[in-house]
Amino acid sequence: MADDLATVMTAGGRTKVYVIGDLPDAAEFVNRRLALEPYKTVDELAGPGPRALLIQAGNLRTPQEEQKLAKRLARNLITAAQSQTLVVVLCNPGEEALVQHTLSSVASSLAQFARPTRETEPPSSVITQVVVRTRLALPMVAEEIARCDCGPAQNSALAITIQGGGVPDLDPEIELLFRRAFADFAKIEIKREDGGRSRIDGVWSVLPTLYDGTIRRPFAVKCGPAASIGIAINTHAEVADHVPFRGCAPLCPERCVRGSTRRFAVFRFIESATRLDTALLGRDATGAVTSIYTDLLAHLRSHAVTSSGSFETFLPEAGWEPRDFAKQLPITYGAVTADGHRVLQPEELRAKLYGLPPQSWPVVRAHGDLNIRNVFVYDGTSMPVLIDFTSDVHFPLSYDCARLDVGLGFDESYAGPNFLPAELLLSLYSGDLFSMNLGNRLGLSESARHRVAALEAVRMQALASAKLHNVDIRAEYNLAVCASILFYARMPDDLGKCAYRCVSALVEEM
């Protein structure tokens, strides 16, 4: 099969690039072992397909040329979406916006085509990968085509069902990405998993079945904006080199397909392991929590550079935005004061936090999204495994500890009967964070005691890291904790009201 594919994709030992319109200067392409050939029919895009389709746009400031480009796009985009073809539109300098407008119009028109049956008809509205470049950028275009790996073509016969039965109602582009990422299987059963704070389209577990009926080991899929998922994939590959074997979920690069706006990050699903939030309901996981910092992230956290920052440094990845002070906090503030509690007003919180002088602290490479949904514990052991390394892996020393710390106390999965008493949370998240009152834990359920013990283990590791770098981490840790707690203070429910009280107490003591 590989030999057949190589034969189809090459011409005279060079990878094919079909061209609609005048052939450009071939020198830059020949140097990269690319063969330019005139494009004749859409059949040339079917099957394995070429590396790229290069569409020459005319002078788009005339309606005739704009209509001609629209027709060229409409004839070819669906087929390109079903193969592994990169589409490059080459235009005059200054006309990039016109191309994007035409492309959007064509995609919208294609999206209106109805499919008779979801099971047999392929999605018709998705573009695999389209880039717009000017004619002055031919070297960059040639390099981009040479490096592009759009992934496998779609398997239109792939049966996609929800685990437990039924056909999922998927966005057409996401459905196509599933058909491409798992094109070598006859059937996949998918299950939507809980996501974190990332701005993504979804997280799924995928159970695949071969054509002979053999069920293979499962995968985990994260779908989001193509650019950000691409950065996350590259970062994961880079960071994984510094994490011990079995310490992070293996990435499957050949399945990380890209669509017009979205991309998949596909990992091997963590089997024989339990997510940390669930594990803590029935067992002591302090050993696993400690191992995150002493084993898995030890190498990353041992090398630091000194930098300066302020409260805002912790906000982007904490899921908080400055406008939330005026938009959402006043509602929670009203609910808290209606209960008879005295707390700082939203504007007072904002003024104090943003008015703090810049601090100097060690910056280390970090996981960057270390919440309880991204930590698993192998069953019957204290061995943790991490998933979902984020796009930016340089953070202050406190960051990875504070995110997990606050998740153990406030994460939504612990709402209702598993919610820690408000007064206990107030004692854990006010005053000196590294001097907790053990007496407040009397009478707690077993699962609550496990969570508080894990929280304490995180803070012990924060102190150990500070000692390693010979710094006082207390002020920095307070800021990191405040940024994460504010995420929960946005909703005026019991959890949000408690979070508001905690952050107010912490800020008053700064």
Protein backbone atom coordinates (compact mmCIF):
# COMPACT_ATOMS: atom_id res chain seq x y z
CA MET A 1 0.00 0.00 0.00
CA ALA A 2 2.83 2.38 0.86
CA ASP A 3 4.48 1.68 -2.52
CA ASP A 4 1.18 2.30 -4.35
CA LEU A 5 0.74 5.59 -2.52
CA ALA A 6 4.28 6.67 -3.35
CA THR A 7 3.66 5.90 -7.03
CA VAL A 8 0.47 7.94 -7.13
CA MET A 9 1.97 10.91 -5.30
CA THR A 10 5.16 11.26 -7.33
CA ALA A 11 6.05 12.18 -10.86
CA GLY A 12 9.59 11.32 -11.96
CA GLY A 13 10.58 10.81 -8.33
CA ARG A 14 8.99 14.11 -7.27
CA THR A 15 5.82 14.75 -5.27
CA LYS A 16 2.95 16.02 -7.40
CA VAL A 17 1.48 19.50 -7.02
CA TYR A 18 -1.43 20.16 -9.38
CA VAL A 19 -1.94 23.73 -10.59
CA ILE A 20 -5.14 25.45 -11.77
CA GLY A 21 -4.12 28.43 -13.90
CA ASP A 22 -0.69 29.40 -15.18
CA LEU A 23 2.21 27.33 -13.91
CA PRO A 24 4.46 29.45 -11.67
CA ASP A 25 8.24 29.43 -11.81
CA ALA A 26 9.13 25.84 -10.97
CA ALA A 27 12.62 26.43 -9.54
CA GLU A 28 11.56 26.76 -5.89
CA PHE A 29 9.42 23.64 -6.20
CA VAL A 30 12.03 21.53 -8.03
CA ASN A 31 14.54 22.35 -5.29
CA ARG A 32 12.14 20.75 -2.79
CA ARG A 33 11.44 17.70 -4.97
CA LEU A 34 7.97 18.91 -5.97
CA ALA A 35 6.62 18.44 -9.53
CA LEU A 36 4.16 21.03 -10.87
CA GLU A 37 1.53 19.60 -13.23
CA PRO A 38 -1.53 21.19 -14.88
CA TYR A 39 -4.77 20.16 -13.20
CA LYS A 40 -7.28 18.50 -15.51
CA THR A 41 -10.18 16.85 -13.65
CA VAL A 42 -11.42 16.42 -10.10
CA ASP A 43 -10.64 12.71 -10.39
CA GLU A 44 -7.00 13.62 -9.90
CA LEU A 45 -7.82 14.61 -6.31
CA ALA A 46 -9.67 11.37 -5.56
CA GLY A 47 -8.01 8.44 -3.89
CA PRO A 48 -4.65 9.03 -2.19
CA GLY A 49 -4.28 12.31 -4.06
CA PRO A 50 -1.39 14.70 -4.60
CA ARG A 51 0.44 16.69 -1.93
CA ALA A 52 -1.29 19.95 -2.91
CA LEU A 53 -3.62 21.76 -5.28
CA LEU A 54 -2.35 25.24 -6.22
CA ILE A 55 -5.13 27.57 -7.44
CA GLN A 56 -4.04 30.72 -9.26
CA ALA A 57 -6.45 33.58 -8.62
CA GLY A 58 -6.80 36.29 -11.26
CA ASN A 59 -7.32 39.99 -10.62
CA LEU A 60 -10.04 39.72 -7.99
CA ARG A 61 -10.97 43.36 -8.29
CA THR A 62 -13.05 42.37 -11.30
CA PRO A 63 -16.34 40.49 -10.70
CA GLN A 64 -15.56 38.02 -13.51
CA GLU A 65 -12.31 36.84 -11.91
CA GLU A 66 -13.94 36.61 -8.47
CA GLN A 67 -16.70 34.42 -9.92
CA LYS A 68 -14.10 32.28 -11.71
CA LEU A 69 -12.24 31.70 -8.42
CA ALA A 70 -15.50 30.84 -6.65
CA LYS A 71 -16.29 28.23 -9.31
CA ARG A 72 -12.81 26.72 -9.06
CA LEU A 73 -13.13 26.45 -5.29
CA ALA A 74 -16.66 25.05 -5.38
CA ARG A 75 -15.68 22.33 -7.86
CA ASN A 76 -12.75 21.06 -5.83
CA LEU A 77 -13.07 21.78 -2.13
CA ILE A 78 -15.31 18.84 -1.22
CA THR A 79 -13.03 16.35 -2.96
CA ALA A 80 -9.97 18.00 -1.39
CA ALA A 81 -11.64 17.67 2.00
CA GLN A 82 -12.04 13.94 1.47
CA SER A 83 -8.40 13.40 0.54
CA GLN A 84 -5.11 14.51 2.04
CA THR A 85 -4.79 17.52 -0.23
CA LEU A 86 -3.49 20.91 0.83
CA VAL A 87 -5.24 23.71 -1.09
CA VAL A 88 -3.17 26.85 -1.72
CA VAL A 89 -4.78 29.92 -3.30
CA LEU A 90 -2.13 32.16 -4.89
CA CYS A 91 -3.24 35.78 -5.32
CA ASN A 92 -1.93 39.29 -6.01
CA PRO A 93 -0.50 41.24 -3.04
CA GLY A 94 -3.26 43.12 -1.23
CA GLU A 95 -6.04 40.77 -2.38
CA GLU A 96 -5.77 38.22 0.45
CA ALA A 97 -8.94 39.53 2.14
CA LEU A 98 -10.87 39.19 -1.12
CA VAL A 99 -9.80 35.54 -1.40
CA GLN A 100 -10.86 34.86 2.19
CA HIS A 101 -14.26 36.46 1.51
CA THR A 102 -14.74 34.30 -1.60
CA LEU A 103 -13.63 31.21 0.29
CA SER A 104 -16.09 31.91 3.12
CA SER A 105 -18.93 32.42 0.64
CA VAL A 106 -18.18 29.15 -1.13
CA ALA A 107 -17.89 27.21 2.14
CA SER A 108 -21.22 28.63 3.32
CA SER A 109 -22.90 27.59 0.08
CA LEU A 110 -21.49 24.08 0.30
CA ALA A 111 -22.71 23.78 3.89
CA GLN A 112 -26.30 24.14 2.70
CA PHE A 113 -26.19 20.83 0.81
CA ALA A 114 -28.31 18.30 2.71
CA ARG A 115 -27.14 14.73 3.18
CA PRO A 116 -29.83 12.05 2.66
CA THR A 117 -28.44 9.73 5.37
CA ARG A 118 -25.73 10.42 7.93
CA GLU A 119 -24.50 6.84 7.73
CA THR A 120 -23.74 6.71 4.01
CA GLU A 121 -23.11 10.23 2.76
CA PRO A 122 -19.83 12.02 3.55
CA PRO A 123 -19.83 15.53 5.00
CA SER A 124 -19.97 18.07 2.19
CA SER A 125 -19.07 21.37 3.77
CA VAL A 126 -15.55 20.96 5.08
CA ILE A 127 -12.18 22.02 3.67
CA THR A 128 -9.23 19.91 4.71
CA GLN A 129 -6.64 22.66 4.71
CA VAL A 130 -6.67 25.93 2.77
CA VAL A 131 -4.03 28.63 2.88
CA VAL A 132 -3.95 31.95 1.04
CA ARG A 133 -0.59 33.26 -0.14
CA THR A 134 0.63 36.01 -2.50
CA ARG A 135 2.61 35.40 -5.65
CA LEU A 136 5.56 37.13 -4.02
CA ALA A 137 5.78 34.31 -1.47
CA LEU A 138 6.57 31.38 -3.80
CA PRO A 139 9.56 30.14 -1.74
CA MET A 140 7.36 30.05 1.37
CA VAL A 141 4.57 28.31 -0.58
CA ALA A 142 6.96 25.66 -1.88
CA GLU A 143 8.38 25.07 1.60
CA GLU A 144 4.88 24.89 3.11
CA ILE A 145 3.78 22.29 0.56
CA ALA A 146 6.96 20.27 1.01
CA ARG A 147 6.47 20.15 4.80
CA CYS A 148 2.68 19.65 4.79
CA ASP A 149 1.23 16.42 6.10
CA CYS A 150 -2.54 16.71 5.94
CA GLY A 151 -3.03 13.15 7.09
CA PRO A 152 -5.13 10.28 5.72
CA ALA A 153 -8.12 10.56 3.43
CA GLN A 154 -11.56 9.98 4.90
CA ASN A 155 -13.20 6.59 5.29
CA SER A 156 -16.76 7.40 4.24
CA ALA A 157 -17.90 3.90 5.27
CA LEU A 158 -16.64 4.25 8.86
CA ALA A 159 -19.51 3.56 11.28
CA ILE A 160 -19.55 6.13 14.10
CA THR A 161 -21.75 5.40 17.11
CA ILE A 162 -22.04 6.59 20.69
CA GLN A 163 -20.78 4.14 23.30
CA GLY A 164 -23.91 2.45 24.55
CA GLY A 165 -25.82 2.86 21.27
CA GLY A 166 -27.07 5.57 18.95
CA VAL A 167 -25.65 7.83 16.25
CA PRO A 168 -23.93 11.02 17.49
CA ASP A 169 -25.01 14.43 16.24
CA LEU A 170 -21.62 15.80 15.25
CA ASP A 171 -20.62 19.01 13.56
CA PRO A 172 -19.84 18.09 9.90
CA GLU A 173 -16.19 19.15 10.16
CA ILE A 174 -15.67 17.17 13.37
CA GLU A 175 -17.36 14.12 11.82
CA LEU A 176 -15.02 14.33 8.85
CA LEU A 177 -12.01 14.58 11.14
CA PHE A 178 -13.14 11.38 12.89
CA ARG A 179 -13.50 9.68 9.50
CA ARG A 180 -9.96 10.70 8.59
CA ALA A 181 -8.22 10.15 11.95
CA PHE A 182 -9.62 6.61 12.22
CA ALA A 183 -9.82 5.76 8.51
CA ASP A 184 -8.13 2.38 9.06
CA PHE A 185 -11.00 1.07 11.20
CA ALA A 186 -14.43 -0.27 10.30
CA LYS A 187 -16.21 1.18 13.33
CA ILE A 188 -15.60 3.54 16.23
CA GLU A 189 -17.65 4.09 19.35
CA ILE A 190 -17.17 7.53 20.86
CA LYS A 191 -18.00 8.96 24.26
CA ARG A 192 -17.83 12.62 25.15
CA GLU A 193 -15.67 13.26 28.20
CA ASP A 194 -15.69 16.16 30.63
CA GLY A 195 -13.46 19.00 29.44
CA GLY A 196 -11.45 21.47 31.49
CA ARG A 197 -11.20 25.22 31.04
CA SER A 198 -9.61 25.08 27.59
CA ARG A 199 -11.49 26.77 24.75
CA ILE A 200 -12.04 23.57 22.77
CA ASP A 201 -14.83 21.88 20.85
CA GLY A 202 -14.73 18.65 22.79
CA VAL A 203 -12.85 15.73 24.31
CA TRP A 204 -13.81 12.17 23.39
CA SER A 205 -12.76 8.63 24.21
CA VAL A 206 -12.76 6.45 21.09
CA LEU A 207 -13.11 2.67 21.03
CA PRO A 208 -12.12 1.36 17.55
CA THR A 209 -13.00 -1.93 15.84
CA LEU A 210 -11.11 -3.49 12.91
CA TYR A 211 -12.81 -5.01 9.86
CA ASP A 212 -12.40 -8.51 11.29
CA GLY A 213 -14.32 -7.50 14.42
CA THR A 214 -11.26 -7.15 16.64
CA ILE A 215 -11.62 -4.35 19.18
CA ARG A 216 -8.42 -2.36 19.57
CA ARG A 217 -7.20 -0.33 22.52
CA PRO A 218 -8.97 3.03 22.94
CA PHE A 219 -7.85 6.53 22.05
CA ALA A 220 -8.49 9.96 23.53
CA VAL A 221 -9.29 12.84 21.16
CA LYS A 222 -9.13 16.56 21.84
CA CYS A 223 -10.61 18.85 19.19
CA GLY A 224 -10.09 22.60 19.01
CA PRO A 225 -8.95 25.50 16.82
CA ALA A 226 -6.38 24.23 14.33
CA ALA A 227 -3.65 26.71 15.28
CA SER A 228 -3.87 26.23 19.05
CA ILE A 229 -4.14 22.43 18.83
CA GLY A 230 -1.12 22.46 16.51
CA ILE A 231 0.91 24.38 19.08
CA ALA A 232 -0.27 22.02 21.83
CA ILE A 233 0.80 18.98 19.76
CA ASN A 234 4.26 20.41 19.21
CA THR A 235 4.56 21.36 22.87
CA HIS A 236 3.45 17.92 24.03
CA ALA A 237 6.06 16.27 21.85
CA GLU A 238 8.72 18.60 23.20
CA VAL A 239 7.76 18.30 26.87
CA ALA A 240 7.24 14.52 26.72
CA ASP A 241 10.98 14.12 26.17
CA HIS A 242 11.49 15.38 29.73
CA VAL A 243 8.84 13.20 31.41
CA PRO A 244 9.57 9.59 32.47
CA PHE A 245 8.15 6.71 30.46
CA ARG A 246 4.46 6.09 31.22
CA GLY A 247 4.34 9.51 32.87
CA CYS A 248 2.30 11.09 30.07
CA ALA A 249 -0.21 9.81 27.53
CA PRO A 250 1.46 8.79 24.21
CA LEU A 251 0.64 11.07 21.27
CA CYS A 252 -0.45 9.51 17.93
CA PRO A 253 0.92 12.04 15.38
CA GLU A 254 -0.39 10.16 12.32
CA ARG A 255 -3.96 10.60 13.60
CA CYS A 256 -3.72 14.30 14.48
CA VAL A 257 -5.60 15.38 11.36
CA ARG A 258 -6.37 18.98 10.51
CA GLY A 259 -9.53 20.49 9.02
CA SER A 260 -10.43 23.93 7.74
CA THR A 261 -10.79 25.45 11.20
CA ARG A 262 -10.23 22.58 13.65
CA ARG A 263 -7.66 19.94 14.41
CA PHE A 264 -7.51 16.72 16.40
CA ALA A 265 -4.91 15.88 19.01
CA VAL A 266 -5.12 12.09 19.38
CA PHE A 267 -3.56 10.21 22.29
CA ARG A 268 -3.62 6.68 23.55
CA PHE A 269 -6.30 6.45 26.20
CA ILE A 270 -5.00 5.88 29.73
CA GLU A 271 -6.19 2.38 30.62
CA SER A 272 -6.13 0.70 34.03
CA ALA A 273 -6.07 4.14 35.61
CA THR A 274 -8.58 6.38 37.36
CA ARG A 275 -8.86 10.14 37.02
CA LEU A 276 -7.66 11.90 40.15
CA ASP A 277 -10.99 13.47 41.11
CA THR A 278 -12.64 10.03 41.07
CA ALA A 279 -9.70 8.26 42.70
CA LEU A 280 -9.82 10.60 45.72
CA LEU A 281 -13.41 9.62 46.48
CA GLY A 282 -12.27 6.17 47.58
CA ARG A 283 -8.55 6.18 48.30
CA ASP A 284 -5.60 8.11 49.65
CA ALA A 285 -3.69 9.52 46.66
CA THR A 286 -1.09 11.63 48.44
CA GLY A 287 1.67 9.37 47.12
CA ALA A 288 0.53 9.94 43.54
CA VAL A 289 0.21 13.70 44.06
CA THR A 290 3.70 13.89 45.53
CA SER A 291 5.10 11.83 42.65
CA ILE A 292 3.82 14.37 40.12
CA TYR A 293 6.39 16.85 41.37
CA THR A 294 9.18 14.57 42.62
CA ASP A 295 9.18 12.26 39.57
CA LEU A 296 7.15 13.35 36.53
CA LEU A 297 7.85 17.11 36.54
CA ALA A 298 11.06 17.10 38.56
CA HIS A 299 13.34 17.65 35.55
CA LEU A 300 11.20 20.47 34.17
CA ARG A 301 10.96 22.25 37.51
CA SER A 302 14.65 21.95 38.37
CA HIS A 303 15.81 24.47 35.76
CA ALA A 304 14.64 28.03 36.39
CA VAL A 305 15.29 31.55 35.15
CA THR A 306 14.54 34.65 37.19
CA SER A 307 11.80 36.86 35.83
CA SER A 308 9.44 39.55 37.08
CA GLY A 309 5.67 39.52 36.93
CA SER A 310 2.45 40.52 38.61
CA PHE A 311 -1.05 39.23 39.25
CA GLU A 312 -1.90 39.32 35.53
CA THR A 313 0.80 36.70 34.88
CA PHE A 314 -1.43 34.01 36.36
CA LEU A 315 -4.71 34.99 34.70
CA PRO A 316 -4.74 33.70 31.08
CA GLU A 317 -4.46 29.98 31.81
CA ALA A 318 -6.59 30.29 34.95
CA GLY A 319 -9.68 30.84 32.79
CA TRP A 320 -10.27 34.35 34.14
CA GLU A 321 -10.65 37.58 32.19
CA PRO A 322 -10.31 41.11 33.65
CA ARG A 323 -13.78 42.13 32.48
CA ASP A 324 -15.24 39.49 34.81
CA PHE A 325 -14.61 41.85 37.74
CA ALA A 326 -17.36 44.14 36.44
CA LYS A 327 -19.45 41.59 34.54
CA GLN A 328 -19.85 38.58 36.84
CA LEU A 329 -18.35 39.23 40.27
CA PRO A 330 -21.00 41.83 41.31
CA ILE A 331 -23.68 39.13 41.14
CA THR A 332 -21.71 36.80 43.41
CA TYR A 333 -20.85 39.72 45.68
CA GLY A 334 -24.57 40.46 46.11
CA ALA A 335 -25.30 36.82 46.97
CA VAL A 336 -22.48 36.72 49.54
CA THR A 337 -23.50 39.93 51.29
CA ALA A 338 -27.14 38.81 51.27
CA ASP A 339 -25.98 35.86 53.41
CA GLY A 340 -24.58 38.34 55.92
CA HIS A 341 -20.86 38.00 55.11
CA ARG A 342 -18.55 41.00 54.86
CA VAL A 343 -16.26 40.82 51.83
CA LEU A 344 -14.37 43.20 49.58
CA GLN A 345 -16.34 44.73 46.71
CA PRO A 346 -15.34 43.62 43.18
CA GLU A 347 -13.65 46.93 42.43
CA GLU A 348 -11.72 46.72 45.71
CA LEU A 349 -10.50 43.25 44.74
CA ARG A 350 -9.47 44.50 41.34
CA ALA A 351 -7.68 47.59 42.69
CA LYS A 352 -5.73 45.63 45.30
CA LEU A 353 -4.70 42.78 42.99
CA TYR A 354 -3.73 44.97 40.05
CA GLY A 355 -2.10 47.51 42.36
CA LEU A 356 0.44 45.08 43.79
CA PRO A 357 4.02 45.89 42.73
CA PRO A 358 5.80 43.52 40.31
CA GLN A 359 7.63 40.63 41.92
CA SER A 360 10.73 38.68 41.01
CA TRP A 361 10.28 34.92 40.88
CA PRO A 362 11.74 31.80 39.27
CA VAL A 363 10.11 30.72 36.01
CA VAL A 364 10.23 27.04 35.09
CA ARG A 365 8.90 24.82 32.34
CA ALA A 366 5.56 23.53 33.51
CA HIS A 367 2.63 21.33 32.60
CA GLY A 368 0.56 24.51 32.41
CA ASP A 369 -2.92 23.00 32.93
CA LEU A 370 -2.40 20.78 35.95
CA ASN A 371 -5.98 20.28 37.08
CA ILE A 372 -7.57 17.16 38.53
CA ARG A 373 -8.99 16.13 35.14
CA ASN A 374 -5.51 15.97 33.64
CA VAL A 375 -4.07 13.63 36.29
CA PHE A 376 -4.70 9.88 36.34
CA VAL A 377 -3.55 7.31 38.88
CA TYR A 378 -2.81 3.75 37.82
CA ASP A 379 -5.10 1.35 39.64
CA GLY A 380 -3.58 -0.32 42.69
CA THR A 381 -0.50 1.93 42.63
CA SER A 382 0.64 5.45 43.49
CA MET A 383 1.94 6.00 39.96
CA PRO A 384 0.45 9.11 38.30
CA VAL A 385 0.21 9.87 34.59
CA LEU A 386 -0.45 13.28 33.04
CA ILE A 387 -2.39 14.26 29.94
CA ASP A 388 -2.93 17.48 27.98
CA PHE A 389 0.27 19.50 28.16
CA THR A 390 -0.75 23.01 27.20
CA SER A 391 0.55 25.44 24.58
CA ASP A 392 2.74 27.58 26.83
CA VAL A 393 5.04 25.71 29.19
CA HIS A 394 6.91 28.53 30.94
CA PHE A 395 5.26 29.68 34.17
CA PRO A 396 6.23 30.91 37.64
CA LEU A 397 7.25 28.15 40.03
CA SER A 398 3.91 28.30 41.92
CA TYR A 399 1.68 27.82 38.93
CA ASP A 400 1.49 24.03 38.57
CA CYS A 401 1.04 23.62 42.32
CA ALA A 402 -1.60 26.34 42.77
CA ARG A 403 -3.79 25.08 39.89
CA LEU A 404 -3.97 21.56 41.33
CA ASP A 405 -4.34 22.95 44.87
CA VAL A 406 -7.45 24.99 44.01
CA GLY A 407 -8.91 22.19 41.88
CA LEU A 408 -8.73 19.83 44.85
CA GLY A 409 -10.72 22.32 46.89
CA PHE A 410 -13.20 23.80 44.43
CA ASP A 411 -13.57 21.72 41.27
CA GLU A 412 -17.19 21.43 40.10
CA SER A 413 -17.04 17.62 40.12
CA TYR A 414 -17.07 17.83 43.93
CA ALA A 415 -20.27 19.88 44.12
CA GLY A 416 -23.31 18.66 46.02
CA PRO A 417 -22.66 15.90 48.57
CA ASN A 418 -18.91 15.95 47.90
CA PHE A 419 -18.56 19.71 48.46
CA LEU A 420 -16.17 20.54 51.30
CA PRO A 421 -17.82 22.60 54.07
CA ALA A 422 -17.53 26.31 53.38
CA GLU A 423 -15.89 27.08 56.71
CA LEU A 424 -13.26 24.41 56.08
CA LEU A 425 -12.48 25.87 52.66
CA LEU A 426 -12.24 29.32 54.23
CA SER A 427 -9.68 28.01 56.73
CA LEU A 428 -7.72 26.28 53.94
CA TYR A 429 -7.72 29.34 51.65
CA SER A 430 -7.06 32.26 53.98
CA GLY A 431 -4.29 33.34 56.30
CA ASP A 432 -0.99 31.50 55.88
CA LEU A 433 -1.65 28.91 53.18
CA PHE A 434 1.24 26.81 54.44
CA SER A 435 -0.05 26.56 58.02
CA MET A 436 -3.38 24.71 57.87
CA ASN A 437 -5.52 24.06 60.92
CA LEU A 438 -5.81 20.26 61.23
CA GLY A 439 -8.59 20.51 63.82
CA ASN A 440 -11.07 21.82 61.23
CA ARG A 441 -11.03 18.43 59.49
CA LEU A 442 -12.65 16.50 62.32
CA GLY A 443 -15.92 14.89 61.32
CA LEU A 444 -15.16 14.95 57.58
CA SER A 445 -16.09 12.06 55.32
CA GLU A 446 -13.34 9.72 54.13
CA SER A 447 -13.30 11.24 50.63
CA ALA A 448 -13.08 14.77 52.05
CA ARG A 449 -10.10 13.75 54.18
CA HIS A 450 -8.42 12.28 51.12
CA ARG A 451 -8.83 15.56 49.24
CA VAL A 452 -7.49 17.71 52.06
CA ALA A 453 -4.52 15.36 52.48
CA ALA A 454 -3.79 15.61 48.73
CA LEU A 455 -4.09 19.39 48.93
CA GLU A 456 -1.60 19.45 51.78
CA ALA A 457 0.79 17.24 49.74
CA VAL A 458 0.67 19.77 46.90
CA ARG A 459 1.61 22.62 49.23
CA MET A 460 4.44 20.57 50.71
CA GLN A 461 5.82 20.15 47.19
CA ALA A 462 5.47 23.88 46.56
CA LEU A 463 7.60 24.53 49.63
CA ALA A 464 10.12 21.89 48.56
CA SER A 465 10.44 23.52 45.14
CA ALA A 466 10.95 26.92 46.74
CA LYS A 467 13.70 25.50 48.94
CA LEU A 468 15.39 23.99 45.88
CA HIS A 469 15.53 27.41 44.24
CA ASN A 470 16.25 29.26 47.51
CA VAL A 471 13.22 31.58 47.30
CA ASP A 472 10.29 32.57 49.53
CA ILE A 473 7.25 31.39 47.62
CA ARG A 474 4.47 32.65 49.90
CA ALA A 475 3.52 35.92 48.19
CA GLU A 476 3.76 34.35 44.73
CA TYR A 477 1.67 31.36 45.80
CA ASN A 478 -1.07 33.66 47.16
CA LEU A 479 -1.35 35.40 43.77
CA ALA A 480 -1.48 32.10 41.88
CA VAL A 481 -4.17 30.75 44.21
CA CYS A 482 -6.21 33.98 43.94
CA ALA A 483 -6.18 33.79 40.13
CA SER A 484 -7.47 30.20 40.18
CA ILE A 485 -10.10 30.79 42.87
CA LEU A 486 -11.52 33.75 40.93
CA PHE A 487 -12.52 31.31 38.19
CA TYR A 488 -14.95 29.67 40.62
CA ALA A 489 -16.12 32.96 42.16
CA ARG A 490 -17.92 33.96 38.96
CA MET A 491 -21.06 31.91 39.72
CA PRO A 492 -23.39 32.88 42.61
CA ASP A 493 -23.99 29.29 43.77
CA ASP A 494 -22.69 27.87 47.05
CA LEU A 495 -19.32 27.05 45.50
CA GLY A 496 -18.99 30.51 43.94
CA LYS A 497 -19.97 32.30 47.14
CA CYS A 498 -17.40 30.34 49.11
CA ALA A 499 -14.74 31.08 46.49
CA TYR A 500 -15.54 34.80 46.69
CA ARG A 501 -15.16 34.77 50.48
CA CYS A 502 -11.81 32.98 50.20
CA VAL A 503 -10.32 35.30 47.60
CA SER A 504 -11.55 38.33 49.54
CA ALA A 505 -9.88 37.04 52.72
CA LEU A 506 -6.62 36.34 50.89
CA VAL A 507 -6.54 39.77 49.26
CA GLU A 508 -7.31 41.58 52.54
CA GLU A 509 -4.25 39.93 54.09
CA MET A 510 -1.85 40.87 51.27
